[in-house]
């Protein structure tokens, strides 16, 4: 599997965990996974906006979501 993506078995555990956290929106699983994989990418490679936007379909939306989560202390 590509090192930039979360394995399916790990995603199931992570998604279950995320649903228990108050203060974050977990409405659309596909969008939540795309965002989580963006965060995972940053964790693996460092915060390089150019690479992030190459991997993610809509880098600006993902960066905004990351900022929103960080302001909520997550």
C-alpha atoms as a PDB file:
ATOM      1  CA  UNK A   1       0.000   0.000   0.000  1.00  0.00           C
ATOM      2  CA  UNK A   2       1.116   3.541  -0.666  1.00  0.00           C
ATOM      3  CA  UNK A   3       2.897   5.095   2.319  1.00  0.00           C
ATOM      4  CA  UNK A   4       0.739   8.237   2.056  1.00  0.00           C
ATOM      5  CA  UNK A   5      -2.554   6.467   2.759  1.00  0.00           C
ATOM      6  CA  UNK A   6      -4.032   4.880   5.880  1.00  0.00           C
ATOM      7  CA  UNK A   7      -4.577   1.112   5.730  1.00  0.00           C
ATOM      8  CA  UNK A   8      -8.223   0.024   5.727  1.00  0.00           C
ATOM      9  CA  UNK A   9      -7.926  -1.855   9.040  1.00  0.00           C
ATOM     10  CA  UNK A  10      -6.301   1.178  10.690  1.00  0.00           C
ATOM     11  CA  UNK A  11      -8.896   3.520   9.207  1.00  0.00           C
ATOM     12  CA  UNK A  12     -11.785   1.538  10.747  1.00  0.00           C
ATOM     13  CA  UNK A  13     -10.229   1.912  14.216  1.00  0.00           C
ATOM     14  CA  UNK A  14      -9.402   5.588  13.699  1.00  0.00           C
ATOM     15  CA  UNK A  15     -12.863   6.452  12.364  1.00  0.00           C
ATOM     16  CA  UNK A  16     -14.533   4.709  15.316  1.00  0.00           C
ATOM     17  CA  UNK A  17     -12.307   6.708  17.674  1.00  0.00           C
ATOM     18  CA  UNK A  18     -12.945  10.029  15.915  1.00  0.00           C
ATOM     19  CA  UNK A  19     -16.715   9.579  16.229  1.00  0.00           C
ATOM     20  CA  UNK A  20     -16.348   9.595  20.037  1.00  0.00           C
ATOM     21  CA  UNK A  21     -14.627  13.010  20.190  1.00  0.00           C
ATOM     22  CA  UNK A  22     -16.870  15.978  20.904  1.00  0.00           C
ATOM     23  CA  UNK A  23     -16.234  19.189  18.995  1.00  0.00           C
ATOM     24  CA  UNK A  24     -15.309  17.765  15.585  1.00  0.00           C
ATOM     25  CA  UNK A  25     -17.574  17.100  12.627  1.00  0.00           C
ATOM     26  CA  UNK A  26     -17.558  13.547  11.335  1.00  0.00           C
ATOM     27  CA  UNK A  27     -20.423  13.607   8.840  1.00  0.00           C
ATOM     28  CA  UNK A  28     -19.112  12.231   5.577  1.00  0.00           C
ATOM     29  CA  UNK A  29     -16.743   9.286   6.028  1.00  0.00           C
ATOM     30  CA  UNK A  30     -15.105   9.728   2.611  1.00  0.00           C
ATOM     31  CA  UNK A  31     -14.299  13.392   3.273  1.00  0.00           C
ATOM     32  CA  UNK A  32     -13.163  12.647   6.825  1.00  0.00           C
ATOM     33  CA  UNK A  33     -10.821   9.949   5.534  1.00  0.00           C
ATOM     34  CA  UNK A  34      -9.390  12.272   2.880  1.00  0.00           C
ATOM     35  CA  UNK A  35      -8.714  14.864   5.572  1.00  0.00           C
ATOM     36  CA  UNK A  36      -7.184  12.300   7.954  1.00  0.00           C
ATOM     37  CA  UNK A  37      -4.927  11.052   5.164  1.00  0.00           C
ATOM     38  CA  UNK A  38      -3.847  14.647   4.557  1.00  0.00           C
ATOM     39  CA  UNK A  39      -2.899  14.953   8.224  1.00  0.00           C
ATOM     40  CA  UNK A  40      -1.115  11.591   8.012  1.00  0.00           C
ATOM     41  CA  UNK A  41       0.796  12.820   4.962  1.00  0.00           C
ATOM     42  CA  UNK A  42       1.938  15.923   6.854  1.00  0.00           C
ATOM     43  CA  UNK A  43       2.999  13.782   9.811  1.00  0.00           C
ATOM     44  CA  UNK A  44       5.119  11.596   7.522  1.00  0.00           C
ATOM     45  CA  UNK A  45       6.657  14.310   5.353  1.00  0.00           C
ATOM     46  CA  UNK A  46       6.519  17.571   7.298  1.00  0.00           C
ATOM     47  CA  UNK A  47       4.316  20.577   6.515  1.00  0.00           C
ATOM     48  CA  UNK A  48       5.211  21.282   2.913  1.00  0.00           C
ATOM     49  CA  UNK A  49       2.166  22.879   1.244  1.00  0.00           C
ATOM     50  CA  UNK A  50       3.392  22.092  -2.279  1.00  0.00           C
ATOM     51  CA  UNK A  51       3.574  18.327  -1.671  1.00  0.00           C
ATOM     52  CA  UNK A  52       0.339  18.331   0.316  1.00  0.00           C
ATOM     53  CA  UNK A  53      -1.613  19.892  -2.532  1.00  0.00           C
ATOM     54  CA  UNK A  54      -0.084  17.475  -5.056  1.00  0.00           C
ATOM     55  CA  UNK A  55      -1.400  14.494  -3.088  1.00  0.00           C
ATOM     56  CA  UNK A  56      -4.773  15.862  -1.937  1.00  0.00           C
ATOM     57  CA  UNK A  57      -7.460  16.725  -4.479  1.00  0.00           C
ATOM     58  CA  UNK A  58      -8.400  19.990  -2.790  1.00  0.00           C
ATOM     59  CA  UNK A  59      -5.461  21.079  -0.663  1.00  0.00           C
ATOM     60  CA  UNK A  60      -6.979  24.417   0.340  1.00  0.00           C
ATOM     61  CA  UNK A  61     -10.089  22.819   1.846  1.00  0.00           C
ATOM     62  CA  UNK A  62      -7.955  20.254   3.691  1.00  0.00           C
ATOM     63  CA  UNK A  63      -5.614  22.926   5.062  1.00  0.00           C
ATOM     64  CA  UNK A  64      -8.631  24.934   6.276  1.00  0.00           C
ATOM     65  CA  UNK A  65     -10.026  21.838   8.008  1.00  0.00           C
ATOM     66  CA  UNK A  66      -6.634  21.169   9.609  1.00  0.00           C
ATOM     67  CA  UNK A  67      -6.555  24.745  10.939  1.00  0.00           C
ATOM     68  CA  UNK A  68     -10.094  24.367  12.285  1.00  0.00           C
ATOM     69  CA  UNK A  69      -9.201  21.138  14.119  1.00  0.00           C
ATOM     70  CA  UNK A  70      -6.015  22.661  15.560  1.00  0.00           C
ATOM     71  CA  UNK A  71      -7.943  25.665  16.892  1.00  0.00           C
ATOM     72  CA  UNK A  72     -10.221  23.201  18.699  1.00  0.00           C
ATOM     73  CA  UNK A  73      -7.203  21.622  20.403  1.00  0.00           C
ATOM     74  CA  UNK A  74      -7.128  18.416  18.345  1.00  0.00           C
END
